[in-house]
Amino acid sequence: METISWQDFEQVDLRVGTIVTAEVFEEARRPAYILHIDFGPDIGVLKSSAQITDLYQTDGLVGQQVIGVVNFPPKQIGPIQSQCLITGFPQTDGSVVLIQPERAVENGSKLA
C-alpha cells in the first residue's frame, strides 16, 4: 500500500449531504440511479449517477445522508453530467454499501 501525505488527504473534499431525489437512470449501461444530494448552502444540490441498485430502492434513499467527493470535475455519464462521487464499499457480489454518518450531521460538513 502506498502512503500519502496529509496534504494529499486534504485535497479530497469529502462532505455530508442529504439525498433529496432519487430516480432510476433509464439510459445507464449498468443499473444505476440519478441522485440529487443537498450539500448545504455553500455547495448546494449536486447530481450523481450511483450504481447502488442491488441494495437500495429509490424511495428508501430520499432523506438519507451520504458522504460524497465534491471537488472532482464533472463527468459526463450518458445524457447526464455527474457532479460528485457518492462513496461506498464494494462487496464481493458487486453490490455497494453506502458510507453514511451514524447520526445526523449538518449538510456540507467536511470529513476531517
PDB file of N, CA and C in Angstrom:
ATOM      1  N   MET A   1       0.846  -1.174   0.000  1.00  0.00           N
ATOM      2  CA  MET A   1       0.000   0.000   0.000  1.00  0.00           C
ATOM      3  C   MET A   1       0.894   1.240   0.000  1.00  0.00           C
ATOM      4  N   GLU A   2       0.568   2.151  -0.890  1.00  0.00           N
ATOM      5  CA  GLU A   2       1.322   3.404  -0.980  1.00  0.00           C
ATOM      6  C   GLU A   2       0.798   4.394   0.054  1.00  0.00           C
ATOM      7  N   THR A   3       1.694   5.102   0.722  1.00  0.00           N
ATOM      8  CA  THR A   3       1.268   6.109   1.684  1.00  0.00           C
ATOM      9  C   THR A   3       1.110   7.459   0.994  1.00  0.00           C
ATOM     10  N   ILE A   4       0.277   8.305   1.595  1.00  0.00           N
ATOM     11  CA  ILE A   4       0.071   9.655   1.078  1.00  0.00           C
ATOM     12  C   ILE A   4       0.376  10.653   2.193  1.00  0.00           C
ATOM     13  N   SER A   5       0.555  11.884   1.818  1.00  0.00           N
ATOM     14  CA  SER A   5       0.805  12.928   2.816  1.00  0.00           C
ATOM     15  C   SER A   5      -0.524  13.491   3.321  1.00  0.00           C
ATOM     16  N   TRP A   6      -0.456  14.227   4.419  1.00  0.00           N
ATOM     17  CA  TRP A   6      -1.645  14.887   4.940  1.00  0.00           C
ATOM     18  C   TRP A   6      -2.195  15.864   3.902  1.00  0.00           C
ATOM     19  N   GLN A   7      -1.302  16.531   3.174  1.00  0.00           N
ATOM     20  CA  GLN A   7      -1.729  17.472   2.135  1.00  0.00           C
ATOM     21  C   GLN A   7      -2.507  16.751   1.030  1.00  0.00           C
ATOM     22  N   ASP A   8      -2.098  15.524   0.694  1.00  0.00           N
ATOM     23  CA  ASP A   8      -2.846  14.738  -0.301  1.00  0.00           C
ATOM     24  C   ASP A   8      -4.272  14.493   0.192  1.00  0.00           C
ATOM     25  N   PHE A   9      -4.404  14.086   1.439  1.00  0.00           N
ATOM     26  CA  PHE A   9      -5.722  13.814   2.014  1.00  0.00           C
ATOM     27  C   PHE A   9      -6.580  15.075   2.030  1.00  0.00           C
ATOM     28  N   GLU A  10      -5.980  16.208   2.377  1.00  0.00           N
ATOM     29  CA  GLU A  10      -6.731  17.459   2.447  1.00  0.00           C
ATOM     30  C   GLU A  10      -7.267  17.903   1.092  1.00  0.00           C
ATOM     31  N   GLN A  11      -6.689  17.424   0.010  1.00  0.00           N
ATOM     32  CA  GLN A  11      -7.144  17.809  -1.320  1.00  0.00           C
ATOM     33  C   GLN A  11      -8.470  17.143  -1.695  1.00  0.00           C
ATOM     34  N   VAL A  12      -8.805  16.029  -1.071  1.00  0.00           N
ATOM     35  CA  VAL A  12     -10.066  15.342  -1.351  1.00  0.00           C
ATOM     36  C   VAL A  12     -11.133  15.955  -0.445  1.00  0.00           C
ATOM     37  N   ASP A  13     -12.123  16.608  -1.049  1.00  0.00           N
ATOM     38  CA  ASP A  13     -13.161  17.296  -0.293  1.00  0.00           C
ATOM     39  C   ASP A  13     -14.355  16.361  -0.113  1.00  0.00           C
ATOM     40  N   LEU A  14     -14.395  15.684   1.017  1.00  0.00           N
ATOM     41  CA  LEU A  14     -15.457  14.741   1.366  1.00  0.00           C
ATOM     42  C   LEU A  14     -16.455  15.451   2.266  1.00  0.00           C
ATOM     43  N   ARG A  15     -17.722  15.497   1.815  1.00  0.00           N
ATOM     44  CA  ARG A  15     -18.761  16.225   2.546  1.00  0.00           C
ATOM     45  C   ARG A  15     -19.987  15.352   2.764  1.00  0.00           C
ATOM     46  N   VAL A  16     -20.753  15.709   3.782  1.00  0.00           N
ATOM     47  CA  VAL A  16     -22.027  15.055   4.061  1.00  0.00           C
ATOM     48  C   VAL A  16     -23.123  15.788   3.301  1.00  0.00           C
ATOM     49  N   GLY A  17     -24.005  15.008   2.691  1.00  0.00           N
ATOM     50  CA  GLY A  17     -25.166  15.579   2.028  1.00  0.00           C
ATOM     51  C   GLY A  17     -26.366  14.684   2.219  1.00  0.00           C
ATOM     52  N   THR A  18     -27.542  15.252   2.027  1.00  0.00           N
ATOM     53  CA  THR A  18     -28.790  14.514   2.146  1.00  0.00           C
ATOM     54  C   THR A  18     -29.400  14.319   0.761  1.00  0.00           C
ATOM     55  N   ILE A  19     -29.762  13.097   0.453  1.00  0.00           N
ATOM     56  CA  ILE A  19     -30.391  12.794  -0.836  1.00  0.00           C
ATOM     57  C   ILE A  19     -31.793  13.407  -0.840  1.00  0.00           C
ATOM     58  N   VAL A  20     -32.044  14.281  -1.829  1.00  0.00           N
ATOM     59  CA  VAL A  20     -33.361  14.927  -1.919  1.00  0.00           C
ATOM     60  C   VAL A  20     -34.236  14.295  -2.998  1.00  0.00           C
ATOM     61  N   THR A  21     -33.622  13.720  -4.037  1.00  0.00           N
ATOM     62  CA  THR A  21     -34.378  12.950  -5.023  1.00  0.00           C
ATOM     63  C   THR A  21     -33.533  11.776  -5.492  1.00  0.00           C
ATOM     64  N   ALA A  22     -34.214  10.710  -5.859  1.00  0.00           N
ATOM     65  CA  ALA A  22     -33.567   9.514  -6.400  1.00  0.00           C
ATOM     66  C   ALA A  22     -34.486   8.927  -7.457  1.00  0.00           C
ATOM     67  N   GLU A  23     -33.935   8.704  -8.646  1.00  0.00           N
ATOM     68  CA  GLU A  23     -34.744   8.131  -9.724  1.00  0.00           C
ATOM     69  C   GLU A  23     -33.911   7.116 -10.494  1.00  0.00           C
ATOM     70  N   VAL A  24     -34.585   6.197 -11.149  1.00  0.00           N
ATOM     71  CA  VAL A  24     -33.903   5.195 -11.956  1.00  0.00           C
ATOM     72  C   VAL A  24     -33.259   5.892 -13.150  1.00  0.00           C
ATOM     73  N   PHE A  25     -32.010   5.571 -13.413  1.00  0.00           N
ATOM     74  CA  PHE A  25     -31.259   6.120 -14.548  1.00  0.00           C
ATOM     75  C   PHE A  25     -31.496   5.173 -15.713  1.00  0.00           C
ATOM     76  N   GLU A  26     -32.555   5.425 -16.451  1.00  0.00           N
ATOM     77  CA  GLU A  26     -33.011   4.527 -17.522  1.00  0.00           C
ATOM     78  C   GLU A  26     -31.956   4.303 -18.603  1.00  0.00           C
ATOM     79  N   GLU A  27     -31.182   5.330 -18.942  1.00  0.00           N
ATOM     80  CA  GLU A  27     -30.226   5.232 -20.041  1.00  0.00           C
ATOM     81  C   GLU A  27     -28.877   4.626 -19.633  1.00  0.00           C
ATOM     82  N   ALA A  28     -28.676   4.324 -18.374  1.00  0.00           N
ATOM     83  CA  ALA A  28     -27.394   3.786 -17.904  1.00  0.00           C
ATOM     84  C   ALA A  28     -27.138   2.400 -18.488  1.00  0.00           C
ATOM     85  N   ARG A  29     -25.874   2.130 -18.815  1.00  0.00           N
ATOM     86  CA  ARG A  29     -25.500   0.794 -19.313  1.00  0.00           C
ATOM     87  C   ARG A  29     -25.633  -0.258 -18.226  1.00  0.00           C
ATOM     88  N   ARG A  30     -25.195   0.100 -17.017  1.00  0.00           N
ATOM     89  CA  ARG A  30     -25.362  -0.772 -15.849  1.00  0.00           C
ATOM     90  C   ARG A  30     -26.408  -0.133 -14.952  1.00  0.00           C
ATOM     91  N   PRO A  31     -27.230  -0.925 -14.271  1.00  0.00           N
ATOM     92  CA  PRO A  31     -28.285  -0.350 -13.442  1.00  0.00           C
ATOM     93  C   PRO A  31     -27.744   0.705 -12.476  1.00  0.00           C
ATOM     94  N   ALA A  32     -28.403   1.856 -12.456  1.00  0.00           N
ATOM     95  CA  ALA A  32     -27.949   2.979 -11.632  1.00  0.00           C
ATOM     96  C   ALA A  32     -29.127   3.888 -11.312  1.00  0.00           C
ATOM     97  N   TYR A  33     -28.898   4.763 -10.351  1.00  0.00           N
ATOM     98  CA  TYR A  33     -29.852   5.807 -10.001  1.00  0.00           C
ATOM     99  C   TYR A  33     -29.230   7.163 -10.283  1.00  0.00           C
ATOM    100  N   ILE A  34     -30.075   8.144 -10.534  1.00  0.00           N
ATOM    101  CA  ILE A  34     -29.654   9.540 -10.556  1.00  0.00           C
ATOM    102  C   ILE A  34     -30.072  10.123  -9.215  1.00  0.00           C
ATOM    103  N   LEU A  35     -29.095  10.608  -8.472  1.00  0.00           N
ATOM    104  CA  LEU A  35     -29.347  11.187  -7.154  1.00  0.00           C
ATOM    105  C   LEU A  35     -29.105  12.688  -7.196  1.00  0.00           C
ATOM    106  N   HIS A  36     -29.924  13.443  -6.491  1.00  0.00           N
ATOM    107  CA  HIS A  36     -29.683  14.858  -6.233  1.00  0.00           C
ATOM    108  C   HIS A  36     -29.429  14.953  -4.735  1.00  0.00           C
ATOM    109  N   ILE A  37     -28.260  15.473  -4.368  1.00  0.00           N
ATOM    110  CA  ILE A  37     -27.825  15.489  -2.974  1.00  0.00           C
ATOM    111  C   ILE A  37     -27.602  16.926  -2.536  1.00  0.00           C
ATOM    112  N   ASP A  38     -28.201  17.303  -1.407  1.00  0.00           N
ATOM    113  CA  ASP A  38     -28.053  18.643  -0.846  1.00  0.00           C
ATOM    114  C   ASP A  38     -26.827  18.661   0.063  1.00  0.00           C
ATOM    115  N   PHE A  39     -25.797  19.398  -0.371  1.00  0.00           N
ATOM    116  CA  PHE A  39     -24.572  19.527   0.408  1.00  0.00           C
ATOM    117  C   PHE A  39     -24.502  20.850   1.173  1.00  0.00           C
ATOM    118  N   GLY A  40     -25.642  21.434   1.461  1.00  0.00           N
ATOM    119  CA  GLY A  40     -25.689  22.652   2.270  1.00  0.00           C
ATOM    120  C   GLY A  40     -25.581  23.917   1.439  1.00  0.00           C
ATOM    121  N   PRO A  41     -25.725  25.079   2.115  1.00  0.00           N
ATOM    122  CA  PRO A  41     -25.808  26.350   1.399  1.00  0.00           C
ATOM    123  C   PRO A  41     -24.544  26.753   0.646  1.00  0.00           C
ATOM    124  N   ASP A  42     -23.378  26.352   1.095  1.00  0.00           N
ATOM    125  CA  ASP A  42     -22.136  26.746   0.413  1.00  0.00           C
ATOM    126  C   ASP A  42     -21.906  25.985  -0.889  1.00  0.00           C
ATOM    127  N   ILE A  43     -22.355  24.737  -0.960  1.00  0.00           N
ATOM    128  CA  ILE A  43     -22.132  23.899  -2.148  1.00  0.00           C
ATOM    129  C   ILE A  43     -23.408  23.746  -2.960  1.00  0.00           C
ATOM    130  N   GLY A  44     -24.529  23.574  -2.292  1.00  0.00           N
ATOM    131  CA  GLY A  44     -25.810  23.422  -2.970  1.00  0.00           C
ATOM    132  C   GLY A  44     -26.139  21.975  -3.278  1.00  0.00           C
ATOM    133  N   VAL A  45     -27.068  21.787  -4.203  1.00  0.00           N
ATOM    134  CA  VAL A  45     -27.524  20.454  -4.601  1.00  0.00           C
ATOM    135  C   VAL A  45     -26.712  20.008  -5.818  1.00  0.00           C
ATOM    136  N   LEU A  46     -26.097  18.836  -5.711  1.00  0.00           N
ATOM    137  CA  LEU A  46     -25.306  18.258  -6.794  1.00  0.00           C
ATOM    138  C   LEU A  46     -25.944  16.959  -7.258  1.00  0.00           C
ATOM    139  N   LYS A  47     -25.683  16.612  -8.515  1.00  0.00           N
ATOM    140  CA  LYS A  47     -26.237  15.408  -9.136  1.00  0.00           C
ATOM    141  C   LYS A  47     -25.142  14.342  -9.229  1.00  0.00           C
ATOM    142  N   SER A  48     -25.551  13.089  -9.048  1.00  0.00           N
ATOM    143  CA  SER A  48     -24.610  11.979  -9.148  1.00  0.00           C
ATOM    144  C   SER A  48     -25.302  10.751  -9.740  1.00  0.00           C
ATOM    145  N   SER A  49     -24.567  10.010 -10.549  1.00  0.00           N
ATOM    146  CA  SER A  49     -25.017   8.703 -11.004  1.00  0.00           C
ATOM    147  C   SER A  49     -24.424   7.679 -10.044  1.00  0.00           C
ATOM    148  N   ALA A  50     -25.269   6.812  -9.492  1.00  0.00           N
ATOM    149  CA  ALA A  50     -24.799   5.857  -8.488  1.00  0.00           C
ATOM    150  C   ALA A  50     -25.269   4.448  -8.810  1.00  0.00           C
ATOM    151  N   GLN A  51     -24.333   3.528  -8.923  1.00  0.00           N
ATOM    152  CA  GLN A  51     -24.645   2.121  -9.192  1.00  0.00           C
ATOM    153  C   GLN A  51     -24.849   1.391  -7.865  1.00  0.00           C
ATOM    154  N   ILE A  52     -25.975   1.680  -7.245  1.00  0.00           N
ATOM    155  CA  ILE A  52     -26.283   1.137  -5.917  1.00  0.00           C
ATOM    156  C   ILE A  52     -27.637   0.427  -5.900  1.00  0.00           C
ATOM    157  N   THR A  53     -28.072  -0.046  -7.061  1.00  0.00           N
ATOM    158  CA  THR A  53     -29.418  -0.613  -7.186  1.00  0.00           C
ATOM    159  C   THR A  53     -29.583  -1.979  -6.509  1.00  0.00           C
ATOM    160  N   ASP A  54     -28.488  -2.674  -6.230  1.00  0.00           N
ATOM    161  CA  ASP A  54     -28.603  -4.006  -5.623  1.00  0.00           C
ATOM    162  C   ASP A  54     -29.153  -3.957  -4.198  1.00  0.00           C
ATOM    163  N   LEU A  55     -28.750  -2.946  -3.441  1.00  0.00           N
ATOM    164  CA  LEU A  55     -29.112  -2.897  -2.021  1.00  0.00           C
ATOM    165  C   LEU A  55     -30.081  -1.786  -1.652  1.00  0.00           C
ATOM    166  N   TYR A  56     -30.342  -0.866  -2.586  1.00  0.00           N
ATOM    167  CA  TYR A  56     -31.146   0.314  -2.257  1.00  0.00           C
ATOM    168  C   TYR A  56     -32.253   0.519  -3.278  1.00  0.00           C
ATOM    169  N   GLN A  57     -33.397   1.016  -2.796  1.00  0.00           N
ATOM    170  CA  GLN A  57     -34.525   1.396  -3.647  1.00  0.00           C
ATOM    171  C   GLN A  57     -34.646   2.918  -3.600  1.00  0.00           C
ATOM    172  N   THR A  58     -35.167   3.514  -4.671  1.00  0.00           N
ATOM    173  CA  THR A  58     -35.224   4.973  -4.749  1.00  0.00           C
ATOM    174  C   THR A  58     -35.988   5.592  -3.575  1.00  0.00           C
ATOM    175  N   ASP A  59     -37.133   5.016  -3.215  1.00  0.00           N
ATOM    176  CA  ASP A  59     -37.938   5.620  -2.145  1.00  0.00           C
ATOM    177  C   ASP A  59     -37.249   5.554  -0.786  1.00  0.00           C
ATOM    178  N   GLY A  60     -36.402   4.573  -0.570  1.00  0.00           N
ATOM    179  CA  GLY A  60     -35.676   4.460   0.693  1.00  0.00           C
ATOM    180  C   GLY A  60     -34.440   5.344   0.763  1.00  0.00           C
ATOM    181  N   LEU A  61     -33.990   5.862  -0.369  1.00  0.00           N
ATOM    182  CA  LEU A  61     -32.794   6.708  -0.386  1.00  0.00           C
ATOM    183  C   LEU A  61     -33.087   8.162  -0.022  1.00  0.00           C
ATOM    184  N   VAL A  62     -34.267   8.650  -0.390  1.00  0.00           N
ATOM    185  CA  VAL A  62     -34.606  10.048  -0.121  1.00  0.00           C
ATOM    186  C   VAL A  62     -34.595  10.293   1.386  1.00  0.00           C
ATOM    187  N   GLY A  63     -33.864  11.323   1.786  1.00  0.00           N
ATOM    188  CA  GLY A  63     -33.724  11.655   3.198  1.00  0.00           C
ATOM    189  C   GLY A  63     -32.494  11.060   3.853  1.00  0.00           C
ATOM    190  N   GLN A  64     -31.830  10.129   3.171  1.00  0.00           N
ATOM    191  CA  GLN A  64     -30.622   9.512   3.725  1.00  0.00           C
ATOM    192  C   GLN A  64     -29.418  10.436   3.544  1.00  0.00           C
ATOM    193  N   GLN A  65     -28.553  10.461   4.537  1.00  0.00           N
ATOM    194  CA  GLN A  65     -27.310  11.209   4.400  1.00  0.00           C
ATOM    195  C   GLN A  65     -26.230  10.286   3.857  1.00  0.00           C
ATOM    196  N   VAL A  66     -25.381  10.843   3.001  1.00  0.00           N
ATOM    197  CA  VAL A  66     -24.284  10.109   2.379  1.00  0.00           C
ATOM    198  C   VAL A  66     -23.029  10.981   2.411  1.00  0.00           C
ATOM    199  N   ILE A  67     -21.906  10.354   2.116  1.00  0.00           N
ATOM    200  CA  ILE A  67     -20.626  11.059   2.022  1.00  0.00           C
ATOM    201  C   ILE A  67     -20.251  11.123   0.549  1.00  0.00           C
ATOM    202  N   GLY A  68     -19.937  12.318   0.074  1.00  0.00           N
ATOM    203  CA  GLY A  68     -19.585  12.488  -1.325  1.00  0.00           C
ATOM    204  C   GLY A  68     -18.317  13.293  -1.513  1.00  0.00           C
ATOM    205  N   VAL A  69     -17.599  12.977  -2.586  1.00  0.00           N
ATOM    206  CA  VAL A  69     -16.457  13.789  -3.004  1.00  0.00           C
ATOM    207  C   VAL A  69     -17.037  14.899  -3.873  1.00  0.00           C
ATOM    208  N   VAL A  70     -16.849  16.143  -3.454  1.00  0.00           N
ATOM    209  CA  VAL A  70     -17.490  17.256  -4.149  1.00  0.00           C
ATOM    210  C   VAL A  70     -16.523  18.091  -4.986  1.00  0.00           C
ATOM    211  N   ASN A  71     -15.246  17.712  -5.020  1.00  0.00           N
ATOM    212  CA  ASN A  71     -14.301  18.520  -5.793  1.00  0.00           C
ATOM    213  C   ASN A  71     -13.668  17.775  -6.967  1.00  0.00           C
ATOM    214  N   PHE A  72     -14.329  16.722  -7.455  1.00  0.00           N
ATOM    215  CA  PHE A  72     -13.938  16.126  -8.731  1.00  0.00           C
ATOM    216  C   PHE A  72     -14.517  16.994  -9.848  1.00  0.00           C
ATOM    217  N   PRO A  73     -13.890  17.007 -11.014  1.00  0.00           N
ATOM    218  CA  PRO A  73     -14.527  17.708 -12.133  1.00  0.00           C
ATOM    219  C   PRO A  73     -15.777  16.941 -12.556  1.00  0.00           C
ATOM    220  N   PRO A  74     -16.784  17.643 -13.114  1.00  0.00           N
ATOM    221  CA  PRO A  74     -17.980  16.948 -13.594  1.00  0.00           C
ATOM    222  C   PRO A  74     -17.618  15.875 -14.617  1.00  0.00           C
ATOM    223  N   LYS A  75     -18.381  14.780 -14.621  1.00  0.00           N
ATOM    224  CA  LYS A  75     -18.125  13.667 -15.540  1.00  0.00           C
ATOM    225  C   LYS A  75     -19.406  13.361 -16.299  1.00  0.00           C
ATOM    226  N   GLN A  76     -19.305  13.348 -17.619  1.00  0.00           N
ATOM    227  CA  GLN A  76     -20.460  13.040 -18.455  1.00  0.00           C
ATOM    228  C   GLN A  76     -20.700  11.526 -18.429  1.00  0.00           C
ATOM    229  N   ILE A  77     -21.890  11.121 -18.023  1.00  0.00           N
ATOM    230  CA  ILE A  77     -22.272   9.713 -17.983  1.00  0.00           C
ATOM    231  C   ILE A  77     -23.567   9.598 -18.773  1.00  0.00           C
ATOM    232  N   GLY A  78     -23.436   9.189 -20.021  1.00  0.00           N
ATOM    233  CA  GLY A  78     -24.605   9.159 -20.892  1.00  0.00           C
ATOM    234  C   GLY A  78     -25.167  10.559 -21.027  1.00  0.00           C
ATOM    235  N   PRO A  79     -26.477  10.715 -20.820  1.00  0.00           N
ATOM    236  CA  PRO A  79     -27.093  12.024 -21.004  1.00  0.00           C
ATOM    237  C   PRO A  79     -26.987  12.960 -19.792  1.00  0.00           C
ATOM    238  N   ILE A  80     -26.409  12.487 -18.677  1.00  0.00           N
ATOM    239  CA  ILE A  80     -26.309  13.366 -17.502  1.00  0.00           C
ATOM    240  C   ILE A  80     -24.859  13.694 -17.192  1.00  0.00           C
ATOM    241  N   GLN A  81     -24.687  14.792 -16.472  1.00  0.00           N
ATOM    242  CA  GLN A  81     -23.362  15.168 -16.008  1.00  0.00           C
ATOM    243  C   GLN A  81     -23.324  14.947 -14.494  1.00  0.00           C
ATOM    244  N   SER A  82     -22.496  13.995 -14.072  1.00  0.00           N
ATOM    245  CA  SER A  82     -22.353  13.693 -12.653  1.00  0.00           C
ATOM    246  C   SER A  82     -21.434  14.742 -12.043  1.00  0.00           C
ATOM    247  N   GLN A  83     -21.888  15.384 -10.947  1.00  0.00           N
ATOM    248  CA  GLN A  83     -21.151  16.486 -10.344  1.00  0.00           C
ATOM    249  C   GLN A  83     -20.416  16.111  -9.067  1.00  0.00           C
ATOM    250  N   CYS A  84     -20.662  14.914  -8.547  1.00  0.00           N
ATOM    251  CA  CYS A  84     -19.991  14.470  -7.333  1.00  0.00           C
ATOM    252  C   CYS A  84     -19.938  12.947  -7.341  1.00  0.00           C
ATOM    253  N   LEU A  85     -19.136  12.397  -6.456  1.00  0.00           N
ATOM    254  CA  LEU A  85     -18.998  10.946  -6.335  1.00  0.00           C
ATOM    255  C   LEU A  85     -19.479  10.530  -4.956  1.00  0.00           C
ATOM    256  N   ILE A  86     -20.510   9.716  -4.910  1.00  0.00           N
ATOM    257  CA  ILE A  86     -21.011   9.182  -3.649  1.00  0.00           C
ATOM    258  C   ILE A  86     -20.150   7.978  -3.280  1.00  0.00           C
ATOM    259  N   THR A  87     -19.743   7.894  -2.028  1.00  0.00           N
ATOM    260  CA  THR A  87     -18.803   6.858  -1.611  1.00  0.00           C
ATOM    261  C   THR A  87     -19.509   5.643  -1.018  1.00  0.00           C
ATOM    262  N   GLY A  88     -18.873   4.496  -1.208  1.00  0.00           N
ATOM    263  CA  GLY A  88     -19.405   3.251  -0.676  1.00  0.00           C
ATOM    264  C   GLY A  88     -18.349   2.160  -0.702  1.00  0.00           C
ATOM    265  N   PHE A  89     -18.683   1.058  -0.091  1.00  0.00           N
ATOM    266  CA  PHE A  89     -17.795  -0.097  -0.037  1.00  0.00           C
ATOM    267  C   PHE A  89     -18.301  -1.182  -0.973  1.00  0.00           C
ATOM    268  N   PRO A  90     -17.551  -1.503  -2.042  1.00  0.00           N
ATOM    269  CA  PRO A  90     -17.946  -2.600  -2.932  1.00  0.00           C
ATOM    270  C   PRO A  90     -17.838  -3.941  -2.196  1.00  0.00           C
ATOM    271  N   GLN A  91     -18.838  -4.780  -2.400  1.00  0.00           N
ATOM    272  CA  GLN A  91     -18.854  -6.106  -1.799  1.00  0.00           C
ATOM    273  C   GLN A  91     -18.425  -7.141  -2.841  1.00  0.00           C
ATOM    274  N   THR A  92     -18.112  -8.350  -2.401  1.00  0.00           N
ATOM    275  CA  THR A  92     -17.637  -9.389  -3.322  1.00  0.00           C
ATOM    276  C   THR A  92     -18.674  -9.742  -4.383  1.00  0.00           C
ATOM    277  N   ASP A  93     -19.974  -9.539  -4.080  1.00  0.00           N
ATOM    278  CA  ASP A  93     -21.021  -9.844  -5.060  1.00  0.00           C
ATOM    279  C   ASP A  93     -21.275  -8.697  -6.039  1.00  0.00           C
ATOM    280  N   GLY A  94     -20.515  -7.606  -5.915  1.00  0.00           N
ATOM    281  CA  GLY A  94     -20.674  -6.465  -6.808  1.00  0.00           C
ATOM    282  C   GLY A  94     -21.580  -5.370  -6.268  1.00  0.00           C
ATOM    283  N   SER A  95     -22.309  -5.643  -5.203  1.00  0.00           N
ATOM    284  CA  SER A  95     -23.161  -4.609  -4.610  1.00  0.00           C
ATOM    285  C   SER A  95     -22.284  -3.584  -3.889  1.00  0.00           C
ATOM    286  N   VAL A  96     -22.874  -2.419  -3.597  1.00  0.00           N
ATOM    287  CA  VAL A  96     -22.148  -1.345  -2.921  1.00  0.00           C
ATOM    288  C   VAL A  96     -22.927  -0.924  -1.682  1.00  0.00           C
ATOM    289  N   VAL A  97     -22.233  -0.871  -0.537  1.00  0.00           N
ATOM    290  CA  VAL A  97     -22.812  -0.390   0.711  1.00  0.00           C
ATOM    291  C   VAL A  97     -22.385   1.065   0.872  1.00  0.00           C
ATOM    292  N   LEU A  98     -23.361   1.967   0.953  1.00  0.00           N
ATOM    293  CA  LEU A  98     -23.066   3.389   1.079  1.00  0.00           C
ATOM    294  C   LEU A  98     -22.382   3.716   2.396  1.00  0.00           C
ATOM    295  N   ILE A  99     -21.503   4.704   2.350  1.00  0.00           N
ATOM    296  CA  ILE A  99     -20.902   5.251   3.568  1.00  0.00           C
ATOM    297  C   ILE A  99     -21.848   6.330   4.078  1.00  0.00           C
ATOM    298  N   GLN A 100     -22.278   6.184   5.322  1.00  0.00           N
ATOM    299  CA  GLN A 100     -23.225   7.125   5.918  1.00  0.00           C
ATOM    300  C   GLN A 100     -22.804   7.448   7.344  1.00  0.00           C
ATOM    301  N   PRO A 101     -23.047   8.697   7.790  1.00  0.00           N
ATOM    302  CA  PRO A 101     -22.747   9.006   9.191  1.00  0.00           C
ATOM    303  C   PRO A 101     -23.679   8.214  10.106  1.00  0.00           C
ATOM    304  N   GLU A 102     -23.205   7.862  11.287  1.00  0.00           N
ATOM    305  CA  GLU A 102     -24.013   7.050  12.197  1.00  0.00           C
ATOM    306  C   GLU A 102     -25.079   7.864  12.917  1.00  0.00           C
ATOM    307  N   ARG A 103     -25.017   9.190  12.797  1.00  0.00           N
ATOM    308  CA  ARG A 103     -26.099  10.059  13.265  1.00  0.00           C
ATOM    309  C   ARG A 103     -26.129  11.291  12.382  1.00  0.00           C
ATOM    310  N   ALA A 104     -27.240  12.006  12.396  1.00  0.00           N
ATOM    311  CA  ALA A 104     -27.412  13.158  11.513  1.00  0.00           C
ATOM    312  C   ALA A 104     -26.384  14.240  11.804  1.00  0.00           C
ATOM    313  N   VAL A 105     -25.819  14.789  10.743  1.00  0.00           N
ATOM    314  CA  VAL A 105     -24.909  15.924  10.852  1.00  0.00           C
ATOM    315  C   VAL A 105     -25.347  16.981   9.836  1.00  0.00           C
ATOM    316  N   GLU A 106     -24.846  18.187   9.993  1.00  0.00           N
ATOM    317  CA  GLU A 106     -25.232  19.288   9.124  1.00  0.00           C
ATOM    318  C   GLU A 106     -24.745  19.044   7.700  1.00  0.00           C
ATOM    319  N   ASN A 107     -25.651  19.220   6.715  1.00  0.00           N
ATOM    320  CA  ASN A 107     -25.250  19.094   5.323  1.00  0.00           C
ATOM    321  C   ASN A 107     -24.095  20.027   5.024  1.00  0.00           C
ATOM    322  N   GLY A 108     -23.119  19.507   4.275  1.00  0.00           N
ATOM    323  CA  GLY A 108     -21.945  20.288   3.926  1.00  0.00           C
ATOM    324  C   GLY A 108     -20.786  20.099   4.883  1.00  0.00           C
ATOM    325  N   SER A 109     -21.017  19.412   6.005  1.00  0.00           N
ATOM    326  CA  SER A 109     -19.922  19.180   6.960  1.00  0.00           C
ATOM    327  C   SER A 109     -18.810  18.406   6.253  1.00  0.00           C
ATOM    328  N   LYS A 110     -17.570  18.825   6.493  1.00  0.00           N
ATOM    329  CA  LYS A 110     -16.415  18.217   5.840  1.00  0.00           C
ATOM    330  C   LYS A 110     -15.844  17.106   6.712  1.00  0.00           C
ATOM    331  N   LEU A 111     -15.512  16.000   6.068  1.00  0.00           N
ATOM    332  CA  LEU A 111     -14.850  14.905   6.776  1.00  0.00           C
ATOM    333  C   LEU A 111     -13.458  15.353   7.173  1.00  0.00           C
ATOM    334  N   ALA A 112     -13.105  15.109   8.417  1.00  0.00           N
ATOM    335  CA  ALA A 112     -11.787  15.527   8.911  1.00  0.00           C
ATOM    336  C   ALA A 112     -11.061  14.350   9.518  1.00  0.00           C
TER     337      ALA A 112
END
